[in-house]
C-alpha atoms as a PDB file:
ATOM      1  CA  LEU A   1      80.463 149.674  30.343  1.00  0.00           C
ATOM      2  CA  LEU A   2      84.057 148.637  29.949  1.00  0.00           C
ATOM      3  CA  HIS A   3      86.183 150.332  32.620  1.00  0.00           C
ATOM      4  CA  ASP A   4      89.804 151.353  32.151  1.00  0.00           C
ATOM      5  CA  THR A   5      91.553 152.727  35.230  1.00  0.00           C
ATOM      6  CA  GLN A   6      94.393 154.166  33.127  1.00  0.00           C
ATOM      7  CA  ILE A   7      91.904 156.334  31.231  1.00  0.00           C
ATOM      8  CA  ALA A   8      90.597 157.565  34.580  1.00  0.00           C
ATOM      9  CA  GLY A   9      94.151 158.347  35.663  1.00  0.00           C
ATOM     10  CA  ARG A  10      94.890 160.303  32.518  1.00  0.00           C
ATOM     11  CA  LEU A  11      91.722 162.349  32.884  1.00  0.00           C
ATOM     12  CA  LEU A  12      92.745 163.102  36.467  1.00  0.00           C
ATOM     13  CA  GLY A  13      95.924 164.646  35.094  1.00  0.00           C
ATOM     14  CA  PHE A  14      98.375 161.822  35.854  1.00  0.00           C
ATOM     15  CA  GLY A  15      99.574 161.508  32.242  1.00  0.00           C
ATOM     16  CA  GLN A  16     100.607 158.112  30.897  1.00  0.00           C
ATOM     17  CA  ILE A  17     100.544 156.493  34.294  1.00  0.00           C
ATOM     18  CA  GLY A  18     100.857 152.756  34.811  1.00  0.00           C
ATOM     19  CA  LEU A  19      99.061 150.509  37.261  1.00  0.00           C
ATOM     20  CA  ALA A  20     101.822 150.724  39.874  1.00  0.00           C
ATOM     21  CA  GLY A  21     101.738 154.504  39.746  1.00  0.00           C
ATOM     22  CA  MET A  22      97.933 154.551  40.022  1.00  0.00           C
ATOM     23  CA  LEU A  23      97.963 152.250  43.027  1.00  0.00           C
ATOM     24  CA  GLU A  24     100.576 154.353  44.782  1.00  0.00           C
ATOM     25  CA  GLU A  25      98.929 157.669  43.905  1.00  0.00           C
ATOM     26  CA  LEU A  26      95.322 156.748  44.753  1.00  0.00           C
ATOM     27  CA  LEU A  27      95.573 153.921  47.302  1.00  0.00           C
ATOM     28  CA  GLY A  28      99.040 154.445  48.790  1.00  0.00           C
ATOM     29  CA  VAL A  29      99.936 150.867  47.881  1.00  0.00           C
ATOM     30  CA  THR A  30     103.383 149.995  46.510  1.00  0.00           C
ATOM     31  CA  VAL A  31     103.608 146.900  44.379  1.00  0.00           C
ATOM     32  CA  ALA A  32     106.665 145.098  43.060  1.00  0.00           C
ATOM     33  CA  LYS A  33     107.103 145.556  39.318  1.00  0.00           C
ATOM     34  CA  ASP A  34     109.891 143.111  38.586  1.00  0.00           C
ATOM     35  CA  LYS A  35     108.292 141.312  35.627  1.00  0.00           C
ATOM     36  CA  GLY A  36     107.463 144.256  33.388  1.00  0.00           C
ATOM     37  CA  ARG A  37     110.316 143.541  30.986  1.00  0.00           C
ATOM     38  CA  GLU A  38     109.671 139.809  30.683  1.00  0.00           C
ATOM     39  CA  ASP A  39     108.542 138.266  27.392  1.00  0.00           C
ATOM     40  CA  TRP A  40     104.768 138.135  27.876  1.00  0.00           C
ATOM     41  CA  SER A  41     104.284 136.640  24.396  1.00  0.00           C
ATOM     42  CA  ALA A  42     105.863 133.368  25.585  1.00  0.00           C
ATOM     43  CA  ARG A  43     103.575 130.355  25.920  1.00  0.00           C
ATOM     44  CA  PRO A  44     102.952 128.829  28.316  1.00  0.00           C
ATOM     45  CA  LEU A  45     103.584 131.585  30.854  1.00  0.00           C
ATOM     46  CA  PRO A  46     105.559 130.361  33.880  1.00  0.00           C
ATOM     47  CA  THR A  47     103.891 130.235  37.297  1.00  0.00           C
ATOM     48  CA  ASP A  48     105.732 133.248  38.712  1.00  0.00           C
ATOM     49  CA  MET A  49     104.505 135.407  35.827  1.00  0.00           C
ATOM     50  CA  LEU A  50     100.930 134.154  36.214  1.00  0.00           C
ATOM     51  CA  THR A  51     101.103 135.006  39.911  1.00  0.00           C
ATOM     52  CA  TYR A  52     102.449 138.459  39.057  1.00  0.00           C
ATOM     53  CA  ALA A  53      99.553 139.030  36.635  1.00  0.00           C
ATOM     54  CA  ALA A  54      96.991 137.903  39.241  1.00  0.00           C
ATOM     55  CA  LEU A  55      98.389 140.321  41.823  1.00  0.00           C
ATOM     56  CA  ASP A  56      98.174 143.070  39.196  1.00  0.00           C
ATOM     57  CA  VAL A  57      94.360 142.889  39.178  1.00  0.00           C
ATOM     58  CA  GLU A  58      93.757 142.182  42.884  1.00  0.00           C
ATOM     59  CA  LEU A  59      93.130 145.853  43.742  1.00  0.00           C
ATOM     60  CA  LEU A  60      91.495 146.957  40.481  1.00  0.00           C
ATOM     61  CA  VAL A  61      87.951 147.203  41.852  1.00  0.00           C
ATOM     62  CA  GLU A  62      89.056 149.380  44.776  1.00  0.00           C
ATOM     63  CA  LEU A  63      91.256 151.421  42.456  1.00  0.00           C
ATOM     64  CA  LEU A  64      88.390 152.051  40.047  1.00  0.00           C
ATOM     65  CA  ALA A  65      86.058 153.176  42.863  1.00  0.00           C
ATOM     66  CA  THR A  66      88.652 155.631  44.153  1.00  0.00           C
ATOM     67  CA  ALA A  67      89.442 156.965  40.679  1.00  0.00           C
ATOM     68  CA  MET A  68      85.742 157.488  39.872  1.00  0.00           C
ATOM     69  CA  SER A  69      85.216 159.268  43.194  1.00  0.00           C
ATOM     70  CA  ARG A  70      88.042 161.649  42.330  1.00  0.00           C
ATOM     71  CA  LEU A  71      86.633 162.273  38.867  1.00  0.00           C
ATOM     72  CA  ARG A  72      83.223 163.125  40.353  1.00  0.00           C
ATOM     73  CA  ARG A  73      84.756 165.530  42.846  1.00  0.00           C
ATOM     74  CA  ARG A  74      86.755 167.299  40.152  1.00  0.00           C
ATOM     75  CA  SER A  75      83.720 167.469  37.899  1.00  0.00           C
ATOM     76  CA  GLU A  76      81.698 169.168  40.615  1.00  0.00           C
ATOM     77  CA  ALA A  77      84.498 171.538  41.613  1.00  0.00           C
ATOM     78  CA  GLU A  78      85.311 172.617  38.045  1.00  0.00           C
ATOM     79  CA  GLY A  79      81.899 172.479  36.461  1.00  0.00           C
ATOM     80  CA  LEU A  80      83.300 170.057  33.874  1.00  0.00           C
ATOM     81  CA  ASP A  81      81.925 166.595  33.143  1.00  0.00           C
ATOM     82  CA  ARG A  82      85.088 164.541  33.546  1.00  0.00           C
ATOM     83  CA  VAL A  83      82.980 161.495  34.372  1.00  0.00           C
ATOM     84  CA  GLY A  84      81.230 161.962  31.042  1.00  0.00           C
ATOM     85  CA  TRP A  85      84.612 162.247  29.301  1.00  0.00           C
ATOM     86  CA  TYR A  86      85.645 159.009  30.968  1.00  0.00           C
ATOM     87  CA  ARG A  87      82.546 157.174  29.781  1.00  0.00           C
ATOM     88  CA  GLN A  88      83.003 158.385  26.210  1.00  0.00           C
ATOM     89  CA  GLU A  89      86.621 157.245  26.218  1.00  0.00           C
ATOM     90  CA  CYS A  90      85.707 153.831  27.579  1.00  0.00           C
ATOM     91  CA  ASP A  91      82.935 153.467  25.001  1.00  0.00           C
ATOM     92  CA  HIS A  92      85.436 154.383  22.315  1.00  0.00           C
ATOM     93  CA  VAL A  93      87.897 151.738  23.471  1.00  0.00           C
ATOM     94  CA  SER A  94      85.121 149.148  23.718  1.00  0.00           C
ATOM     95  CA  ALA A  95      83.961 149.863  20.150  1.00  0.00           C
ATOM     96  CA  ASP A  96      87.460 150.087  18.784  1.00  0.00           C
ATOM     97  CA  TRP A  97      89.169 147.039  20.303  1.00  0.00           C
ATOM     98  CA  SER A  98      87.997 144.545  17.687  1.00  0.00           C
ATOM     99  CA  ARG A  99      89.496 146.381  14.730  1.00  0.00           C
ATOM    100  CA  PRO A 100      92.339 144.320  13.270  1.00  0.00           C
ATOM    101  CA  VAL A 101      95.833 145.588  13.998  1.00  0.00           C
ATOM    102  CA  GLN A 102      97.345 146.961  10.822  1.00  0.00           C
ATOM    103  CA  VAL A 103     100.938 145.886  10.312  1.00  0.00           C
ATOM    104  CA  PRO A 104     102.696 149.022   9.034  1.00  0.00           C
ATOM    105  CA  ASP A 105     104.119 148.591   5.531  1.00  0.00           C
ATOM    106  CA  TRP A 106     107.353 150.126   4.361  1.00  0.00           C
ATOM    107  CA  THR A 107     105.796 153.490   3.504  1.00  0.00           C
ATOM    108  CA  ARG A 108     104.911 153.958   7.192  1.00  0.00           C
ATOM    109  CA  LEU A 109     108.397 153.338   8.575  1.00  0.00           C
ATOM    110  CA  ARG A 110     109.463 156.189  10.756  1.00  0.00           C
ATOM    111  CA  GLY A 111     112.194 158.117   8.975  1.00  0.00           C
ATOM    112  CA  ILE A 112     111.478 156.668   5.529  1.00  0.00           C
ATOM    113  CA  GLY A 113     110.823 160.198   4.256  1.00  0.00           C
ATOM    114  CA  ALA A 114     114.543 160.910   4.572  1.00  0.00           C
ATOM    115  CA  VAL A 115     115.394 158.111   2.126  1.00  0.00           C
ATOM    116  CA  ARG A 116     115.804 159.606  -1.335  1.00  0.00           C
ATOM    117  CA  ASP A 117     117.596 156.862  -3.249  1.00  0.00           C
ATOM    118  CA  PRO A 118     115.008 154.698  -5.097  1.00  0.00           C
ATOM    119  CA  ARG A 119     117.256 151.684  -4.454  1.00  0.00           C
ATOM    120  CA  GLY A 120     116.985 152.395  -0.748  1.00  0.00           C
ATOM    121  CA  LEU A 121     113.201 152.633  -0.981  1.00  0.00           C
ATOM    122  CA  GLU A 122     113.068 149.304  -2.799  1.00  0.00           C
ATOM    123  CA  MET A 123     115.288 147.822  -0.106  1.00  0.00           C
ATOM    124  CA  ALA A 124     112.976 149.102   2.631  1.00  0.00           C
ATOM    125  CA  ARG A 125     110.009 147.557   0.818  1.00  0.00           C
ATOM    126  CA  ARG A 126     111.672 144.153   0.429  1.00  0.00           C
ATOM    127  CA  LEU A 127     113.094 143.994   3.968  1.00  0.00           C
ATOM    128  CA  THR A 128     109.737 145.023   5.457  1.00  0.00           C
ATOM    129  CA  ASP A 129     107.960 142.273   3.452  1.00  0.00           C
ATOM    130  CA  ILE A 130     110.479 139.710   4.695  1.00  0.00           C
ATOM    131  CA  ARG A 131     110.121 140.943   8.268  1.00  0.00           C
ATOM    132  CA  THR A 132     106.320 140.771   8.117  1.00  0.00           C
ATOM    133  CA  GLU A 133     106.318 137.236   6.713  1.00  0.00           C
ATOM    134  CA  VAL A 134     108.772 136.009   9.344  1.00  0.00           C
ATOM    135  CA  ALA A 135     106.851 137.752  12.138  1.00  0.00           C
ATOM    136  CA  ARG A 136     103.593 136.098  11.087  1.00  0.00           C
ATOM    137  CA  ARG A 137     105.228 132.684  10.907  1.00  0.00           C
ATOM    138  CA  ARG A 138     106.760 133.147  14.357  1.00  0.00           C
ATOM    139  CA  ASP A 139     103.621 134.800  15.742  1.00  0.00           C
ATOM    140  CA  THR A 140     105.716 137.634  17.118  1.00  0.00           C
ATOM    141  CA  PRO A 141     105.724 141.431  16.655  1.00  0.00           C
ATOM    142  CA  PRO A 142     107.643 142.616  13.563  1.00  0.00           C
ATOM    143  CA  GLU A 143     109.921 144.785  15.699  1.00  0.00           C
ATOM    144  CA  LYS A 144     111.173 141.609  17.419  1.00  0.00           C
ATOM    145  CA  VAL A 145     112.275 140.273  14.043  1.00  0.00           C
ATOM    146  CA  LEU A 146     114.043 143.407  12.799  1.00  0.00           C
ATOM    147  CA  ARG A 147     113.686 146.964  14.101  1.00  0.00           C
ATOM    148  CA  SER A 148     112.227 149.559  11.752  1.00  0.00           C
ATOM    149  CA  SER A 149     115.106 151.902  12.613  1.00  0.00           C
ATOM    150  CA  VAL A 150     117.571 149.336  11.271  1.00  0.00           C
ATOM    151  CA  ILE A 151     115.607 148.921   8.030  1.00  0.00           C
ATOM    152  CA  VAL A 152     115.659 152.692   7.538  1.00  0.00           C
ATOM    153  CA  ASP A 153     119.391 152.841   8.347  1.00  0.00           C
ATOM    154  CA  MET A 154     120.078 150.288   5.615  1.00  0.00           C
ATOM    155  CA  ALA A 155     117.726 152.025   3.173  1.00  0.00           C
ATOM    156  CA  ARG A 156     119.607 155.295   3.683  1.00  0.00           C
ATOM    157  CA  ALA A 157     122.892 153.553   2.788  1.00  0.00           C
ATOM    158  CA  PRO A 158     121.757 150.761   0.453  1.00  0.00           C
ATOM    159  CA  TYR A 159     125.209 149.901  -0.879  1.00  0.00           C
ATOM    160  CA  GLN A 160     126.498 149.322   2.636  1.00  0.00           C
ATOM    161  CA  ALA A 161     123.437 147.391   3.812  1.00  0.00           C
ATOM    162  CA  GLU A 162     124.870 143.933   3.260  1.00  0.00           C
ATOM    163  CA  ASP A 163     127.968 144.790   5.279  1.00  0.00           C
ATOM    164  CA  MET A 164     125.697 146.076   8.081  1.00  0.00           C
ATOM    165  CA  LEU A 165     123.812 142.798   8.149  1.00  0.00           C
ATOM    166  CA  ARG A 166     126.895 140.621   8.073  1.00  0.00           C
ATOM    167  CA  SER A 167     128.694 142.622  10.739  1.00  0.00           C
ATOM    168  CA  GLY A 168     125.646 142.854  12.957  1.00  0.00           C
ATOM    169  CA  ARG A 169     125.982 146.640  13.113  1.00  0.00           C
ATOM    170  CA  GLY A 170     123.498 149.344  12.129  1.00  0.00           C
ATOM    171  CA  ASP A 171     124.422 152.554  10.347  1.00  0.00           C
ATOM    172  CA  SER A 172     124.452 154.511  13.620  1.00  0.00           C
ATOM    173  CA  GLY A 173     126.165 151.869  15.704  1.00  0.00           C
ATOM    174  CA  ARG A 174     123.007 150.004  16.646  1.00  0.00           C
ATOM    175  CA  GLY A 175     123.150 146.228  16.499  1.00  0.00           C
ATOM    176  CA  VAL A 176     121.223 144.615  13.667  1.00  0.00           C
ATOM    177  CA  ARG A 177     119.346 142.243  15.927  1.00  0.00           C
ATOM    178  CA  HIS A 178     115.724 141.368  16.449  1.00  0.00           C
ATOM    179  CA  GLY A 179     114.602 143.826  19.115  1.00  0.00           C
ATOM    180  CA  GLY A 180     116.538 144.812  22.244  1.00  0.00           C
ATOM    181  CA  ARG A 181     119.522 147.158  22.619  1.00  0.00           C
ATOM    182  CA  GLY A 182     122.718 147.522  20.631  1.00  0.00           C
ATOM    183  CA  ARG A 183     126.279 148.086  21.786  1.00  0.00           C
ATOM    184  CA  SER A 184     125.659 151.785  22.121  1.00  0.00           C
ATOM    185  CA  GLY A 185     123.613 151.101  25.252  1.00  0.00           C
ATOM    186  CA  GLY A 186     120.123 150.448  23.876  1.00  0.00           C
ATOM    187  CA  ARG A 187     118.048 147.369  24.478  1.00  0.00           C
ATOM    188  CA  GLN A 188     119.178 144.303  22.597  1.00  0.00           C
ATOM    189  CA  GLY A 189     117.694 140.900  21.964  1.00  0.00           C
ATOM    190  CA  PRO A 190     119.163 137.568  20.805  1.00  0.00           C
ATOM    191  CA  GLN A 191     121.542 137.491  17.841  1.00  0.00           C
ATOM    192  CA  MET A 192     119.829 137.323  14.448  1.00  0.00           C
ATOM    193  CA  SER A 193     119.542 133.757  13.158  1.00  0.00           C
ATOM    194  CA  ARG A 194     121.593 132.752  10.153  1.00  0.00           C
ATOM    195  CA  GLU A 195     118.434 131.834   8.284  1.00  0.00           C
ATOM    196  CA  LEU A 196     116.944 135.304   8.782  1.00  0.00           C
ATOM    197  CA  GLN A 197     120.245 136.970   7.956  1.00  0.00           C
ATOM    198  CA  ALA A 198     120.458 135.021   4.712  1.00  0.00           C
ATOM    199  CA  ARG A 199     116.943 136.037   3.711  1.00  0.00           C
ATOM    200  CA  LEU A 200     117.637 139.679   4.450  1.00  0.00           C
ATOM    201  CA  VAL A 201     120.924 139.596   2.489  1.00  0.00           C
ATOM    202  CA  ALA A 202     119.039 138.125  -0.452  1.00  0.00           C
ATOM    203  CA  GLY A 203     116.486 140.939  -0.158  1.00  0.00           C
ATOM    204  CA  VAL A 204     119.252 143.533  -0.149  1.00  0.00           C
ATOM    205  CA  ARG A 205     120.840 142.023  -3.254  1.00  0.00           C
ATOM    206  CA  ASP A 206     117.502 141.825  -5.063  1.00  0.00           C
ATOM    207  CA  ALA A 207     116.827 145.476  -4.307  1.00  0.00           C
ATOM    208  CA  LEU A 208     120.200 146.505  -5.734  1.00  0.00           C
ATOM    209  CA  SER A 209     119.794 144.467  -8.912  1.00  0.00           C
ATOM    210  CA  VAL A 210     116.145 145.027  -9.809  1.00  0.00           C
ATOM    211  CA  ASP A 211     115.350 146.975 -12.994  1.00  0.00           C
ATOM    212  CA  ALA A 212     115.327 150.722 -12.354  1.00  0.00           C
ATOM    213  CA  ALA A 213     111.965 151.009 -14.125  1.00  0.00           C
ATOM    214  CA  VAL A 214     110.174 149.245 -11.279  1.00  0.00           C
ATOM    215  CA  LEU A 215     111.764 151.150  -8.390  1.00  0.00           C
ATOM    216  CA  PRO A 216     109.216 152.889  -6.153  1.00  0.00           C
ATOM    217  CA  ASP A 217     108.684 156.605  -5.799  1.00  0.00           C
ATOM    218  CA  ARG A 218     109.158 158.357  -2.479  1.00  0.00           C
ATOM    219  CA  PRO A 219     106.063 157.733  -0.365  1.00  0.00           C
ATOM    220  CA  ARG A 220     103.806 160.621   0.451  1.00  0.00           C
ATOM    221  CA  SER A 221     102.460 161.163   3.909  1.00  0.00           C
ATOM    222  CA  PRO A 222      99.015 159.703   4.769  1.00  0.00           C
ATOM    223  CA  ARG A 223      96.169 161.057   2.612  1.00  0.00           C
ATOM    224  CA  GLY A 224      98.650 162.454   0.143  1.00  0.00           C
ATOM    225  CA  ARG A 225      99.782 165.444   2.189  1.00  0.00           C
ATOM    226  CA  PRO A 226     103.326 166.742   1.739  1.00  0.00           C
ATOM    227  CA  ASP A 227     105.736 166.481   4.653  1.00  0.00           C
ATOM    228  CA  HIS A 228     104.576 168.913   7.341  1.00  0.00           C
ATOM    229  CA  ARG A 229     108.123 170.173   7.747  1.00  0.00           C
ATOM    230  CA  THR A 230     107.824 171.882   4.386  1.00  0.00           C
ATOM    231  CA  TRP A 231     104.547 173.684   5.173  1.00  0.00           C
ATOM    232  CA  ALA A 232     106.019 176.873   6.623  1.00  0.00           C
ATOM    233  CA  LYS A 233     107.792 177.590   3.344  1.00  0.00           C
ATOM    234  CA  ASP A 234     105.621 175.919   0.707  1.00  0.00           C
ATOM    235  CA  TYR A 235     102.158 175.967   2.303  1.00  0.00           C
ATOM    236  CA  PRO A 236     102.142 178.962   4.661  1.00  0.00           C
ATOM    237  CA  VAL A 237      98.429 178.887   5.544  1.00  0.00           C
ATOM    238  CA  ALA A 238      98.617 175.224   6.575  1.00  0.00           C
ATOM    239  CA  GLY A 239     101.830 175.984   8.422  1.00  0.00           C
ATOM    240  CA  ARG A 240     100.310 178.852  10.388  1.00  0.00           C
ATOM    241  CA  LEU A 241      97.207 176.831  11.185  1.00  0.00           C
ATOM    242  CA  ALA A 242      99.256 173.848  12.384  1.00  0.00           C
ATOM    243  CA  SER A 243     101.377 176.055  14.628  1.00  0.00           C
ATOM    244  CA  GLY A 244      98.401 178.010  15.959  1.00  0.00           C
ATOM    245  CA  PHE A 245      96.324 174.878  16.539  1.00  0.00           C
ATOM    246  CA  ARG A 246      99.204 173.203  18.391  1.00  0.00           C
ATOM    247  CA  THR A 247      99.607 176.221  20.685  1.00  0.00           C
ATOM    248  CA  ALA A 248      95.856 176.396  21.305  1.00  0.00           C
ATOM    249  CA  VAL A 249      95.720 172.695  22.182  1.00  0.00           C
ATOM    250  CA  ASP A 250      98.694 173.004  24.524  1.00  0.00           C
ATOM    251  CA  ASP A 251      97.154 175.996  26.296  1.00  0.00           C
ATOM    252  CA  LEU A 252      93.794 174.251  26.643  1.00  0.00           C
ATOM    253  CA  ALA A 253      95.416 171.094  27.972  1.00  0.00           C
ATOM    254  CA  GLU A 254      97.366 173.089  30.557  1.00  0.00           C
ATOM    255  CA  ARG A 255      94.176 174.775  31.787  1.00  0.00           C
ATOM    256  CA  LEU A 256      92.446 171.395  32.094  1.00  0.00           C
ATOM    257  CA  ASP A 257      95.465 169.673  33.736  1.00  0.00           C
ATOM    258  CA  LEU A 258      95.600 167.118  30.892  1.00  0.00           C
ATOM    259  CA  HIS A 259      98.319 165.932  28.557  1.00  0.00           C
ATOM    260  CA  PRO A 260      97.654 167.475  25.104  1.00  0.00           C
ATOM    261  CA  SER A 261      97.324 164.000  23.541  1.00  0.00           C
ATOM    262  CA  GLU A 262      94.211 163.406  25.652  1.00  0.00           C
ATOM    263  CA  LEU A 263      92.543 166.142  23.623  1.00  0.00           C
ATOM    264  CA  VAL A 264      94.036 165.359  20.213  1.00  0.00           C
ATOM    265  CA  VAL A 265      97.260 163.739  19.034  1.00  0.00           C
ATOM    266  CA  SER A 266      99.807 165.735  17.048  1.00  0.00           C
ATOM    267  CA  ALA A 267      99.167 163.856  13.797  1.00  0.00           C
ATOM    268  CA  SER A 268      95.493 164.767  13.990  1.00  0.00           C
ATOM    269  CA  VAL A 269      96.355 168.419  14.671  1.00  0.00           C
ATOM    270  CA  ARG A 270      98.332 168.453  11.449  1.00  0.00           C
ATOM    271  CA  SER A 271      95.521 166.689   9.574  1.00  0.00           C
ATOM    272  CA  VAL A 272      92.949 169.217  10.754  1.00  0.00           C
ATOM    273  CA  ALA A 273      95.290 172.090   9.865  1.00  0.00           C
ATOM    274  CA  TRP A 274      95.958 170.805   6.365  1.00  0.00           C
ATOM    275  CA  ASP A 275      92.324 170.067   5.599  1.00  0.00           C
ATOM    276  CA  ALA A 276      91.240 173.430   7.083  1.00  0.00           C
ATOM    277  CA  ALA A 277      93.706 175.185   4.792  1.00  0.00           C
ATOM    278  CA  GLN A 278      92.137 173.408   1.804  1.00  0.00           C
ATOM    279  CA  LEU A 279      88.683 174.544   2.944  1.00  0.00           C
ATOM    280  CA  LEU A 280      89.909 178.122   3.247  1.00  0.00           C
ATOM    281  CA  GLU A 281      90.871 178.006  -0.402  1.00  0.00           C
ATOM    282  CA  THR A 282      87.197 177.496  -1.229  1.00  0.00           C
ATOM    283  CA  LEU A 283      86.478 180.780   0.554  1.00  0.00           C
ATOM    284  CA  ASP A 284      88.880 182.610  -1.704  1.00  0.00           C
ATOM    285  CA  ALA A 285      87.198 181.028  -4.676  1.00  0.00           C
ATOM    286  CA  GLY A 286      83.734 181.904  -3.389  1.00  0.00           C
ATOM    287  CA  GLN A 287      82.702 178.241  -3.303  1.00  0.00           C
ATOM    288  CA  ALA A 288      81.902 177.765   0.386  1.00  0.00           C
ATOM    289  CA  SER A 289      78.180 177.288   0.959  1.00  0.00           C
ATOM    290  CA  GLY A 290      76.730 179.295   3.854  1.00  0.00           C
ATOM    291  CA  TYR A 291      79.897 181.186   4.668  1.00  0.00           C
ATOM    292  CA  ALA A 292      78.673 184.678   3.758  1.00  0.00           C
ATOM    293  CA  GLU A 293      75.511 184.295   5.864  1.00  0.00           C
ATOM    294  CA  ASP A 294      77.237 182.915   8.974  1.00  0.00           C
ATOM    295  CA  PRO A 295      81.054 182.832   9.005  1.00  0.00           C
ATOM    296  CA  VAL A 296      81.166 181.747  12.675  1.00  0.00           C
ATOM    297  CA  GLY A 297      78.796 178.869  12.094  1.00  0.00           C
ATOM    298  CA  TRP A 298      80.701 177.868   8.989  1.00  0.00           C
ATOM    299  CA  ALA A 299      83.983 177.755  10.876  1.00  0.00           C
ATOM    300  CA  GLU A 300      82.495 175.816  13.797  1.00  0.00           C
ATOM    301  CA  ASP A 301      80.889 173.278  11.474  1.00  0.00           C
ATOM    302  CA  ALA A 302      84.093 172.932   9.473  1.00  0.00           C
ATOM    303  CA  LEU A 303      86.198 172.318  12.586  1.00  0.00           C
ATOM    304  CA  GLY A 304      83.628 169.881  13.967  1.00  0.00           C
ATOM    305  CA  SER A 305      83.624 167.864  10.753  1.00  0.00           C
ATOM    306  CA  LEU A 306      87.413 167.797  10.553  1.00  0.00           C
ATOM    307  CA  LEU A 307      87.769 166.712  14.183  1.00  0.00           C
ATOM    308  CA  THR A 308      85.139 164.009  13.738  1.00  0.00           C
ATOM    309  CA  ALA A 309      87.077 162.723  10.741  1.00  0.00           C
ATOM    310  CA  GLN A 310      90.045 162.354  13.115  1.00  0.00           C
ATOM    311  CA  ASP A 311      87.941 160.203  15.464  1.00  0.00           C
ATOM    312  CA  ALA A 312      87.567 162.940  18.080  1.00  0.00           C
ATOM    313  CA  ARG A 313      84.966 162.147  20.713  1.00  0.00           C
ATOM    314  CA  ALA A 314      82.148 164.611  21.425  1.00  0.00           C
ATOM    315  CA  TRP A 315      83.732 165.883  24.632  1.00  0.00           C
ATOM    316  CA  GLN A 316      86.994 166.582  22.811  1.00  0.00           C
ATOM    317  CA  SER A 317      85.287 168.457  19.981  1.00  0.00           C
ATOM    318  CA  ASP A 318      83.233 170.477  22.456  1.00  0.00           C
ATOM    319  CA  LEU A 319      86.441 171.698  24.065  1.00  0.00           C
ATOM    320  CA  LEU A 320      88.571 172.010  20.937  1.00  0.00           C
ATOM    321  CA  ILE A 321      86.261 173.928  18.623  1.00  0.00           C
ATOM    322  CA  PRO A 322      86.197 177.112  20.747  1.00  0.00           C
ATOM    323  CA  ALA A 323      89.946 176.847  21.259  1.00  0.00           C
ATOM    324  CA  LEU A 324      90.755 176.438  17.564  1.00  0.00           C
ATOM    325  CA  LEU A 325      88.180 178.928  16.265  1.00  0.00           C
ATOM    326  CA  PRO A 326      90.304 182.088  16.805  1.00  0.00           C
ATOM    327  CA  VAL A 327      93.183 180.479  14.926  1.00  0.00           C
ATOM    328  CA  ILE A 328      91.189 179.665  11.811  1.00  0.00           C
ATOM    329  CA  ALA A 329      89.448 183.046  12.070  1.00  0.00           C
ATOM    330  CA  GLU A 330      92.795 184.788  11.463  1.00  0.00           C
ATOM    331  CA  GLU A 331      92.971 183.122   8.060  1.00  0.00           C
ATOM    332  CA  MET A 332      89.365 183.762   7.001  1.00  0.00           C
ATOM    333  CA  PRO A 333      88.574 186.564   4.519  1.00  0.00           C
ATOM    334  CA  CYS A 334      85.995 187.976   6.937  1.00  0.00           C
ATOM    335  CA  PRO A 335      87.323 187.820  10.551  1.00  0.00           C
ATOM    336  CA  VAL A 336      85.046 185.974  12.928  1.00  0.00           C
ATOM    337  CA  GLU A 337      85.081 188.917  15.341  1.00  0.00           C
ATOM    338  CA  ASP A 338      83.739 191.267  12.616  1.00  0.00           C
ATOM    339  CA  ALA A 339      81.126 188.762  11.624  1.00  0.00           C
ATOM    340  CA  THR A 340      80.008 188.409  15.209  1.00  0.00           C
ATOM    341  CA  ASP A 341      79.622 192.198  15.612  1.00  0.00           C
ATOM    342  CA  ASP A 342      77.377 192.287  12.547  1.00  0.00           C
END
């Protein structure tokens, strides 16, 4: 079994706690954390950073033993199998670690949905391709080449993009630099190289001059769903389910002393809500197999399948299905409560 002390800390209710916080909380040990902002992608690592890394793991065995002891005590006191949750999470990480990291393409840039000009979308596509190629050649994260927020800023104002690049300023005052902070107070890395700047300027010009017939359409959200911000007006059932599911998850997390993301992340809540709304349409059309005989069972199975599709572990589904069931029941033609009485 692969062990992860941070998972144990999160399941103990510490949230996104780091190693220093875990050591102080569980062992009463304070460690110096003066290298956390260093460039750990550099090779070779200097001696002081190697020493820092070695000290980081010196107390891990003792920390794990203490964390597991706390999980066992809470499990016994609450009648909940937090140790079992921990093992499932560690198994999940162990099975998942070897999957290749997907470099987000331009359609996944945060904020790209606000870009409406096809020229801006083409610009985002070209600049992202350039960034990815440079990042691979340098063996460095794409965000260290050019921040996604800067690409989106330029895409939102495509005819000012070249001026932004040449002046080193982003649309909202952020420096156009590879990683770090801009003059407005954010983190900032080294000045963009002239070579990279020239390539990006060429990409901007190409995007502005390409034939309109080949410009891309606005990207849809993953799996073809419309933007969730439009659901309340355009897709009311999905909107009500998303809101109700979110509230149910928050309430459940509070009762369990967990951060809601330990149960299910927000994107998955929306995915389950959207897909559940589509399933409810089959009820209206009389196409749902087994619904009339057992509405409760149908709803539980539907939620279980949708959560599994979102990579929920068994312990998460076991907790979430009862919490989400009343929400979906409100949208079902035959209320679950009525079906249960029958």
